[in-house]
Amino acid sequence: MKVDDINIRIIQHLRDGRKSFKKIAEDLQLTENTVRARVKKLCDEGVLEITGLVDPSSIAHHQMMIMGVKLNSTDLFAGGEAFSRLRGVVRVSVVTGRYDLMVEVLFNDSFGLPEFYNEEVPRVSGVLSLETFVVYKGYNVKVPYIL
């Protein structure tokens, strides 16, 4: 799908996910049906997802961690896909540099680092090593609540 300037401007308006299609249409001088159809197509094509996000630091007993992952495989995309399906994982990036993947994980009192290491990570084959970074304070961090 071609994401044109109008689509970008609609997406920018949807940063406030509760903004009405009518208001977006007025601001962009489009019809409400045009905005609605474009948003539907963006969602259907997987370009846009409208969802509620939370600031993990605002929820008691929750903690974000970032993990650098080294794989013993050259199929980094398969490793990234496998990690993306693990409990608590909110984001996976295939990266260059010291690690193959950067994995962001949300924990709470009933699901923490020991459970992730002992129950979830073994479900992914080819993990060479993990290094964990505790997020003390994040800025502009909003994630889907998945626990």
N, C-alpha and C. Protein backbone atom coordinates (compact mmCIF):
# COMPACT_ATOMS: atom_id res chain seq x y z
N MET A 1 0.84 -1.19 0.00
CA MET A 1 0.00 0.00 0.00
C MET A 1 0.88 1.24 0.00
N LYS A 2 0.51 2.21 -0.80
CA LYS A 2 1.23 3.47 -0.84
C LYS A 2 0.70 4.38 0.26
N VAL A 3 1.57 4.79 1.16
CA VAL A 3 1.19 5.70 2.23
C VAL A 3 1.53 7.11 1.75
N ASP A 4 0.49 7.84 1.32
CA ASP A 4 0.71 9.18 0.78
C ASP A 4 0.64 10.24 1.88
N ASP A 5 0.78 11.49 1.48
CA ASP A 5 0.79 12.61 2.43
C ASP A 5 -0.52 12.71 3.21
N ILE A 6 -1.62 12.45 2.56
CA ILE A 6 -2.92 12.52 3.27
C ILE A 6 -2.98 11.43 4.33
N ASN A 7 -2.53 10.21 4.00
CA ASN A 7 -2.50 9.14 4.99
C ASN A 7 -1.63 9.52 6.18
N ILE A 8 -0.47 10.10 5.92
CA ILE A 8 0.42 10.53 7.01
C ILE A 8 -0.28 11.56 7.89
N ARG A 9 -0.96 12.51 7.27
CA ARG A 9 -1.65 13.56 8.04
C ARG A 9 -2.79 12.97 8.87
N ILE A 10 -3.51 11.98 8.33
CA ILE A 10 -4.56 11.30 9.10
C ILE A 10 -3.93 10.58 10.29
N ILE A 11 -2.85 9.85 10.05
CA ILE A 11 -2.16 9.12 11.12
C ILE A 11 -1.70 10.09 12.21
N GLN A 12 -1.18 11.25 11.81
CA GLN A 12 -0.75 12.24 12.80
C GLN A 12 -1.92 12.70 13.66
N HIS A 13 -3.08 12.88 13.06
CA HIS A 13 -4.27 13.26 13.83
C HIS A 13 -4.68 12.15 14.78
N LEU A 14 -4.44 10.91 14.41
CA LEU A 14 -4.85 9.78 15.24
C LEU A 14 -3.92 9.53 16.42
N ARG A 15 -2.88 10.36 16.58
CA ARG A 15 -2.07 10.25 17.80
C ARG A 15 -2.98 10.41 19.01
N ASP A 16 -4.02 11.23 18.85
CA ASP A 16 -5.09 11.28 19.83
C ASP A 16 -6.13 10.28 19.33
N GLY A 17 -6.03 9.05 19.79
CA GLY A 17 -6.85 7.95 19.27
C GLY A 17 -8.35 8.15 19.45
N ARG A 18 -8.74 9.13 20.23
CA ARG A 18 -10.16 9.37 20.46
C ARG A 18 -10.70 10.50 19.57
N LYS A 19 -9.86 11.05 18.74
CA LYS A 19 -10.30 12.14 17.85
C LYS A 19 -11.27 11.57 16.82
N SER A 20 -12.36 12.25 16.61
CA SER A 20 -13.38 11.74 15.70
C SER A 20 -12.95 11.90 14.24
N PHE A 21 -13.48 11.01 13.41
CA PHE A 21 -13.23 11.12 11.97
C PHE A 21 -13.78 12.45 11.44
N LYS A 22 -14.88 12.90 12.02
CA LYS A 22 -15.48 14.16 11.60
C LYS A 22 -14.51 15.32 11.84
N LYS A 23 -13.87 15.35 13.01
CA LYS A 23 -12.94 16.42 13.35
C LYS A 23 -11.70 16.35 12.45
N ILE A 24 -11.20 15.15 12.21
CA ILE A 24 -10.04 14.97 11.33
C ILE A 24 -10.39 15.47 9.92
N ALA A 25 -11.57 15.09 9.44
CA ALA A 25 -12.02 15.51 8.11
C ALA A 25 -12.09 17.03 8.01
N GLU A 26 -12.63 17.66 9.04
CA GLU A 26 -12.72 19.13 9.03
C GLU A 26 -11.32 19.75 8.99
N ASP A 27 -10.42 19.25 9.83
CA ASP A 27 -9.07 19.80 9.89
C ASP A 27 -8.31 19.64 8.58
N LEU A 28 -8.56 18.53 7.88
CA LEU A 28 -7.83 18.23 6.64
C LEU A 28 -8.62 18.62 5.39
N GLN A 29 -9.80 19.18 5.58
CA GLN A 29 -10.67 19.57 4.47
C GLN A 29 -10.98 18.39 3.55
N LEU A 30 -11.37 17.29 4.19
CA LEU A 30 -11.79 16.08 3.49
C LEU A 30 -13.19 15.73 3.96
N THR A 31 -13.82 14.76 3.30
CA THR A 31 -15.10 14.28 3.81
C THR A 31 -14.83 13.24 4.90
N GLU A 32 -15.80 13.11 5.79
CA GLU A 32 -15.68 12.12 6.86
C GLU A 32 -15.57 10.71 6.28
N ASN A 33 -16.31 10.43 5.19
CA ASN A 33 -16.25 9.11 4.56
C ASN A 33 -14.85 8.83 3.99
N THR A 34 -14.19 9.86 3.44
CA THR A 34 -12.84 9.68 2.92
C THR A 34 -11.89 9.29 4.06
N VAL A 35 -11.99 10.00 5.17
CA VAL A 35 -11.12 9.69 6.32
C VAL A 35 -11.41 8.27 6.82
N ARG A 36 -12.68 7.94 6.97
CA ARG A 36 -13.07 6.61 7.45
C ARG A 36 -12.54 5.51 6.53
N ALA A 37 -12.69 5.70 5.22
CA ALA A 37 -12.23 4.69 4.25
C ALA A 37 -10.72 4.55 4.28
N ARG A 38 -10.00 5.66 4.39
CA ARG A 38 -8.54 5.60 4.43
C ARG A 38 -8.06 4.92 5.71
N VAL A 39 -8.67 5.24 6.83
CA VAL A 39 -8.28 4.60 8.09
C VAL A 39 -8.54 3.10 8.02
N LYS A 40 -9.68 2.72 7.47
CA LYS A 40 -10.00 1.29 7.33
C LYS A 40 -8.95 0.59 6.47
N LYS A 41 -8.60 1.21 5.34
CA LYS A 41 -7.60 0.60 4.46
C LYS A 41 -6.23 0.52 5.14
N LEU A 42 -5.84 1.59 5.84
CA LEU A 42 -4.56 1.57 6.56
C LEU A 42 -4.54 0.44 7.60
N CYS A 43 -5.65 0.23 8.28
CA CYS A 43 -5.74 -0.85 9.27
C CYS A 43 -5.74 -2.22 8.58
N ASP A 44 -6.54 -2.35 7.52
CA ASP A 44 -6.61 -3.63 6.79
C ASP A 44 -5.26 -4.03 6.22
N GLU A 45 -4.46 -3.06 5.78
CA GLU A 45 -3.15 -3.33 5.18
C GLU A 45 -2.05 -3.51 6.23
N GLY A 46 -2.37 -3.33 7.51
CA GLY A 46 -1.38 -3.51 8.56
C GLY A 46 -0.45 -2.32 8.75
N VAL A 47 -0.77 -1.19 8.13
CA VAL A 47 0.03 0.02 8.27
C VAL A 47 -0.28 0.70 9.60
N LEU A 48 -1.54 0.66 10.01
CA LEU A 48 -2.01 1.38 11.19
C LEU A 48 -2.77 0.43 12.10
N GLU A 49 -2.55 0.58 13.39
CA GLU A 49 -3.33 -0.14 14.39
C GLU A 49 -3.74 0.88 15.44
N ILE A 50 -5.02 0.93 15.72
CA ILE A 50 -5.51 1.85 16.74
C ILE A 50 -5.72 1.04 18.01
N THR A 51 -4.99 1.40 19.05
CA THR A 51 -5.03 0.62 20.28
C THR A 51 -4.75 1.51 21.48
N GLY A 52 -5.15 1.06 22.63
CA GLY A 52 -4.83 1.77 23.86
C GLY A 52 -3.42 1.43 24.32
N LEU A 53 -2.67 2.43 24.71
CA LEU A 53 -1.31 2.24 25.19
C LEU A 53 -1.20 2.77 26.61
N VAL A 54 -0.30 2.20 27.38
CA VAL A 54 -0.09 2.63 28.75
C VAL A 54 1.37 3.01 28.97
N ASP A 55 1.58 3.89 29.94
CA ASP A 55 2.93 4.20 30.41
C ASP A 55 3.22 3.19 31.52
N PRO A 56 4.13 2.24 31.29
CA PRO A 56 4.37 1.18 32.28
C PRO A 56 4.79 1.71 33.65
N SER A 57 5.46 2.85 33.69
CA SER A 57 5.91 3.38 34.97
C SER A 57 4.76 3.93 35.80
N SER A 58 3.60 4.12 35.19
CA SER A 58 2.45 4.65 35.91
C SER A 58 1.61 3.56 36.56
N ILE A 59 1.94 2.30 36.31
CA ILE A 59 1.16 1.19 36.86
C ILE A 59 1.98 0.54 37.97
N ALA A 60 1.42 0.51 39.17
CA ALA A 60 2.13 -0.05 40.31
C ALA A 60 2.54 -1.49 40.05
N HIS A 61 3.71 -1.84 40.53
CA HIS A 61 4.25 -3.21 40.48
C HIS A 61 4.53 -3.69 39.06
N HIS A 62 4.77 -2.79 38.14
CA HIS A 62 5.13 -3.15 36.78
C HIS A 62 6.51 -2.58 36.47
N GLN A 63 7.25 -3.28 35.64
CA GLN A 63 8.62 -2.89 35.32
C GLN A 63 8.92 -3.25 33.87
N MET A 64 9.54 -2.32 33.16
CA MET A 64 10.00 -2.60 31.81
C MET A 64 11.47 -2.99 31.87
N MET A 65 11.85 -3.92 31.02
CA MET A 65 13.24 -4.29 30.86
C MET A 65 13.52 -4.42 29.37
N ILE A 66 14.75 -4.14 29.02
CA ILE A 66 15.21 -4.30 27.64
C ILE A 66 16.27 -5.38 27.67
N MET A 67 16.22 -6.28 26.72
CA MET A 67 17.18 -7.37 26.65
C MET A 67 17.90 -7.36 25.32
N GLY A 68 19.22 -7.42 25.39
CA GLY A 68 20.02 -7.63 24.20
C GLY A 68 20.17 -9.12 24.01
N VAL A 69 19.88 -9.61 22.84
CA VAL A 69 19.89 -11.05 22.57
C VAL A 69 20.88 -11.36 21.45
N LYS A 70 21.74 -12.33 21.70
CA LYS A 70 22.63 -12.88 20.68
C LYS A 70 22.08 -14.23 20.28
N LEU A 71 22.00 -14.47 18.98
CA LEU A 71 21.52 -15.75 18.45
C LEU A 71 22.67 -16.50 17.81
N ASN A 72 22.57 -17.82 17.78
CA ASN A 72 23.60 -18.60 17.09
C ASN A 72 23.15 -18.98 15.68
N SER A 73 22.18 -18.23 15.16
CA SER A 73 21.65 -18.44 13.83
C SER A 73 21.78 -17.15 13.03
N THR A 74 21.87 -17.29 11.72
CA THR A 74 21.89 -16.10 10.88
C THR A 74 20.47 -15.67 10.48
N ASP A 75 19.48 -16.48 10.84
CA ASP A 75 18.09 -16.12 10.53
C ASP A 75 17.54 -15.26 11.67
N LEU A 76 17.97 -14.00 11.68
CA LEU A 76 17.58 -13.09 12.75
C LEU A 76 16.09 -12.79 12.75
N PHE A 77 15.50 -12.79 11.57
CA PHE A 77 14.07 -12.47 11.49
C PHE A 77 13.23 -13.57 12.12
N ALA A 78 13.62 -14.83 11.95
CA ALA A 78 12.90 -15.93 12.60
C ALA A 78 13.04 -15.83 14.11
N GLY A 79 14.24 -15.48 14.58
CA GLY A 79 14.46 -15.29 16.01
C GLY A 79 13.62 -14.15 16.55
N GLY A 80 13.58 -13.05 15.81
CA GLY A 80 12.76 -11.91 16.22
C GLY A 80 11.29 -12.27 16.29
N GLU A 81 10.82 -13.00 15.29
CA GLU A 81 9.42 -13.44 15.27
C GLU A 81 9.13 -14.34 16.46
N ALA A 82 10.03 -15.27 16.77
CA ALA A 82 9.83 -16.17 17.90
C ALA A 82 9.77 -15.40 19.23
N PHE A 83 10.67 -14.45 19.41
CA PHE A 83 10.64 -13.66 20.64
C PHE A 83 9.37 -12.82 20.73
N SER A 84 8.87 -12.34 19.61
CA SER A 84 7.68 -11.48 19.63
C SER A 84 6.45 -12.21 20.15
N ARG A 85 6.46 -13.53 20.13
CA ARG A 85 5.31 -14.32 20.59
C ARG A 85 5.40 -14.70 22.07
N LEU A 86 6.49 -14.34 22.75
CA LEU A 86 6.65 -14.71 24.15
C LEU A 86 5.83 -13.81 25.06
N ARG A 87 5.41 -14.37 26.17
CA ARG A 87 4.63 -13.62 27.17
C ARG A 87 5.43 -12.41 27.66
N GLY A 88 4.77 -11.28 27.75
CA GLY A 88 5.38 -10.07 28.27
C GLY A 88 6.10 -9.22 27.25
N VAL A 89 6.40 -9.76 26.08
CA VAL A 89 7.17 -9.02 25.08
C VAL A 89 6.27 -8.00 24.40
N VAL A 90 6.70 -6.73 24.45
CA VAL A 90 5.93 -5.66 23.82
C VAL A 90 6.57 -5.17 22.53
N ARG A 91 7.88 -5.43 22.36
CA ARG A 91 8.54 -4.95 21.13
C ARG A 91 9.81 -5.76 20.91
N VAL A 92 10.07 -6.09 19.66
CA VAL A 92 11.31 -6.76 19.27
C VAL A 92 11.87 -6.03 18.06
N SER A 93 13.16 -5.75 18.09
CA SER A 93 13.82 -5.12 16.96
C SER A 93 15.04 -5.94 16.57
N VAL A 94 15.18 -6.23 15.28
CA VAL A 94 16.40 -6.83 14.76
C VAL A 94 17.35 -5.66 14.53
N VAL A 95 18.55 -5.75 15.12
CA VAL A 95 19.46 -4.61 15.13
C VAL A 95 20.86 -5.00 14.65
N THR A 96 21.66 -3.98 14.40
CA THR A 96 23.07 -4.19 14.11
C THR A 96 23.85 -3.90 15.39
N GLY A 97 25.09 -4.34 15.42
CA GLY A 97 25.93 -4.06 16.58
C GLY A 97 26.15 -5.29 17.44
N ARG A 98 26.31 -5.05 18.71
CA ARG A 98 26.69 -6.09 19.66
C ARG A 98 25.65 -7.21 19.77
N TYR A 99 24.38 -6.87 19.62
CA TYR A 99 23.30 -7.85 19.75
C TYR A 99 22.61 -8.04 18.41
N ASP A 100 21.88 -9.13 18.32
CA ASP A 100 21.07 -9.40 17.12
C ASP A 100 19.67 -8.84 17.28
N LEU A 101 19.16 -8.90 18.52
CA LEU A 101 17.81 -8.43 18.81
C LEU A 101 17.83 -7.55 20.05
N MET A 102 16.94 -6.59 20.07
CA MET A 102 16.63 -5.85 21.29
C MET A 102 15.17 -6.15 21.59
N VAL A 103 14.92 -6.66 22.79
CA VAL A 103 13.60 -7.13 23.17
C VAL A 103 13.13 -6.32 24.38
N GLU A 104 11.96 -5.72 24.28
CA GLU A 104 11.40 -4.98 25.41
C GLU A 104 10.31 -5.84 26.04
N VAL A 105 10.40 -6.00 27.36
CA VAL A 105 9.51 -6.91 28.08
C VAL A 105 8.87 -6.18 29.25
N LEU A 106 7.59 -6.40 29.46
CA LEU A 106 6.85 -5.84 30.58
C LEU A 106 6.64 -6.93 31.62
N PHE A 107 7.02 -6.63 32.87
CA PHE A 107 6.87 -7.58 33.97
C PHE A 107 5.94 -7.00 35.03
N ASN A 108 5.36 -7.89 35.84
CA ASN A 108 4.61 -7.48 37.02
C ASN A 108 4.93 -8.43 38.16
N ASP A 109 4.20 -8.32 39.28
CA ASP A 109 4.51 -9.14 40.45
C ASP A 109 4.36 -10.64 40.21
N SER A 110 3.47 -11.03 39.31
CA SER A 110 3.24 -12.46 39.08
C SER A 110 4.02 -13.01 37.89
N PHE A 111 4.64 -12.14 37.12
CA PHE A 111 5.44 -12.58 35.97
C PHE A 111 6.65 -11.67 35.89
N GLY A 112 7.79 -12.23 36.30
CA GLY A 112 9.01 -11.44 36.35
C GLY A 112 10.13 -12.06 35.54
N LEU A 113 11.32 -11.57 35.78
CA LEU A 113 12.50 -12.02 35.04
C LEU A 113 12.75 -13.52 35.19
N PRO A 114 12.64 -14.10 36.41
CA PRO A 114 12.86 -15.55 36.51
C PRO A 114 11.90 -16.37 35.65
N GLU A 115 10.63 -15.97 35.64
CA GLU A 115 9.64 -16.69 34.82
C GLU A 115 9.96 -16.52 33.34
N PHE A 116 10.35 -15.31 32.95
CA PHE A 116 10.67 -15.08 31.54
C PHE A 116 11.86 -15.94 31.12
N TYR A 117 12.93 -15.93 31.92
CA TYR A 117 14.14 -16.71 31.59
C TYR A 117 13.86 -18.21 31.61
N ASN A 118 13.11 -18.68 32.60
CA ASN A 118 12.93 -20.13 32.77
C ASN A 118 11.78 -20.73 31.98
N GLU A 119 10.75 -19.93 31.69
CA GLU A 119 9.57 -20.48 31.01
C GLU A 119 9.44 -20.03 29.56
N GLU A 120 9.81 -18.79 29.28
CA GLU A 120 9.58 -18.25 27.94
C GLU A 120 10.78 -18.40 27.01
N VAL A 121 11.96 -17.96 27.46
CA VAL A 121 13.15 -17.99 26.59
C VAL A 121 13.45 -19.39 26.05
N PRO A 122 13.30 -20.46 26.84
CA PRO A 122 13.57 -21.79 26.28
C PRO A 122 12.68 -22.18 25.10
N ARG A 123 11.60 -21.47 24.89
CA ARG A 123 10.74 -21.74 23.74
C ARG A 123 11.35 -21.26 22.42
N VAL A 124 12.43 -20.48 22.50
CA VAL A 124 13.10 -19.96 21.31
C VAL A 124 14.40 -20.73 21.13
N SER A 125 14.56 -21.35 19.98
CA SER A 125 15.80 -22.09 19.74
C SER A 125 16.90 -21.15 19.25
N GLY A 126 18.12 -21.50 19.59
CA GLY A 126 19.27 -20.76 19.08
C GLY A 126 19.66 -19.52 19.84
N VAL A 127 19.21 -19.40 21.10
CA VAL A 127 19.60 -18.24 21.90
C VAL A 127 20.99 -18.50 22.48
N LEU A 128 21.93 -17.64 22.11
CA LEU A 128 23.30 -17.77 22.59
C LEU A 128 23.49 -17.09 23.93
N SER A 129 22.99 -15.85 24.05
CA SER A 129 23.12 -15.12 25.31
C SER A 129 22.09 -14.01 25.39
N LEU A 130 21.84 -13.57 26.62
CA LEU A 130 20.92 -12.47 26.91
C LEU A 130 21.61 -11.52 27.88
N GLU A 131 21.40 -10.23 27.68
CA GLU A 131 21.83 -9.25 28.66
C GLU A 131 20.63 -8.37 28.96
N THR A 132 20.35 -8.22 30.26
CA THR A 132 19.16 -7.51 30.69
C THR A 132 19.49 -6.11 31.17
N PHE A 133 18.68 -5.14 30.73
CA PHE A 133 18.81 -3.75 31.15
C PHE A 133 17.49 -3.34 31.80
N VAL A 134 17.54 -2.98 33.08
CA VAL A 134 16.35 -2.52 33.79
C VAL A 134 16.08 -1.08 33.38
N VAL A 135 14.85 -0.79 33.03
CA VAL A 135 14.45 0.57 32.67
C VAL A 135 14.00 1.26 33.96
N TYR A 136 14.80 2.19 34.45
CA TYR A 136 14.43 2.94 35.65
C TYR A 136 13.42 4.02 35.32
N LYS A 137 13.61 4.70 34.21
CA LYS A 137 12.70 5.75 33.78
C LYS A 137 12.73 5.80 32.26
N GLY A 138 11.56 5.72 31.66
CA GLY A 138 11.45 5.84 30.21
C GLY A 138 10.77 7.14 29.85
N TYR A 139 11.11 7.68 28.71
CA TYR A 139 10.49 8.91 28.21
C TYR A 139 9.81 8.60 26.89
N ASN A 140 8.60 9.09 26.74
CA ASN A 140 7.80 8.82 25.55
C ASN A 140 7.59 7.33 25.34
N VAL A 141 7.46 6.59 26.43
CA VAL A 141 7.27 5.14 26.34
C VAL A 141 5.82 4.80 26.66
N LYS A 142 5.13 4.30 25.67
CA LYS A 142 3.78 3.82 25.83
C LYS A 142 3.74 2.46 25.13
N VAL A 143 3.18 1.48 25.80
CA VAL A 143 3.15 0.12 25.26
C VAL A 143 1.76 -0.48 25.41
N PRO A 144 1.42 -1.47 24.59
CA PRO A 144 0.16 -2.16 24.81
C PRO A 144 0.24 -2.96 26.11
N TYR A 145 -0.84 -3.01 26.86
CA TYR A 145 -0.84 -3.81 28.09
C TYR A 145 -1.14 -5.24 27.72
N ILE A 146 -0.16 -6.12 27.91
CA ILE A 146 -0.30 -7.49 27.39
C ILE A 146 -0.25 -8.57 28.46
N LEU A 147 -0.09 -8.22 29.72
CA LEU A 147 0.03 -9.24 30.76
C LEU A 147 -1.32 -9.72 31.23
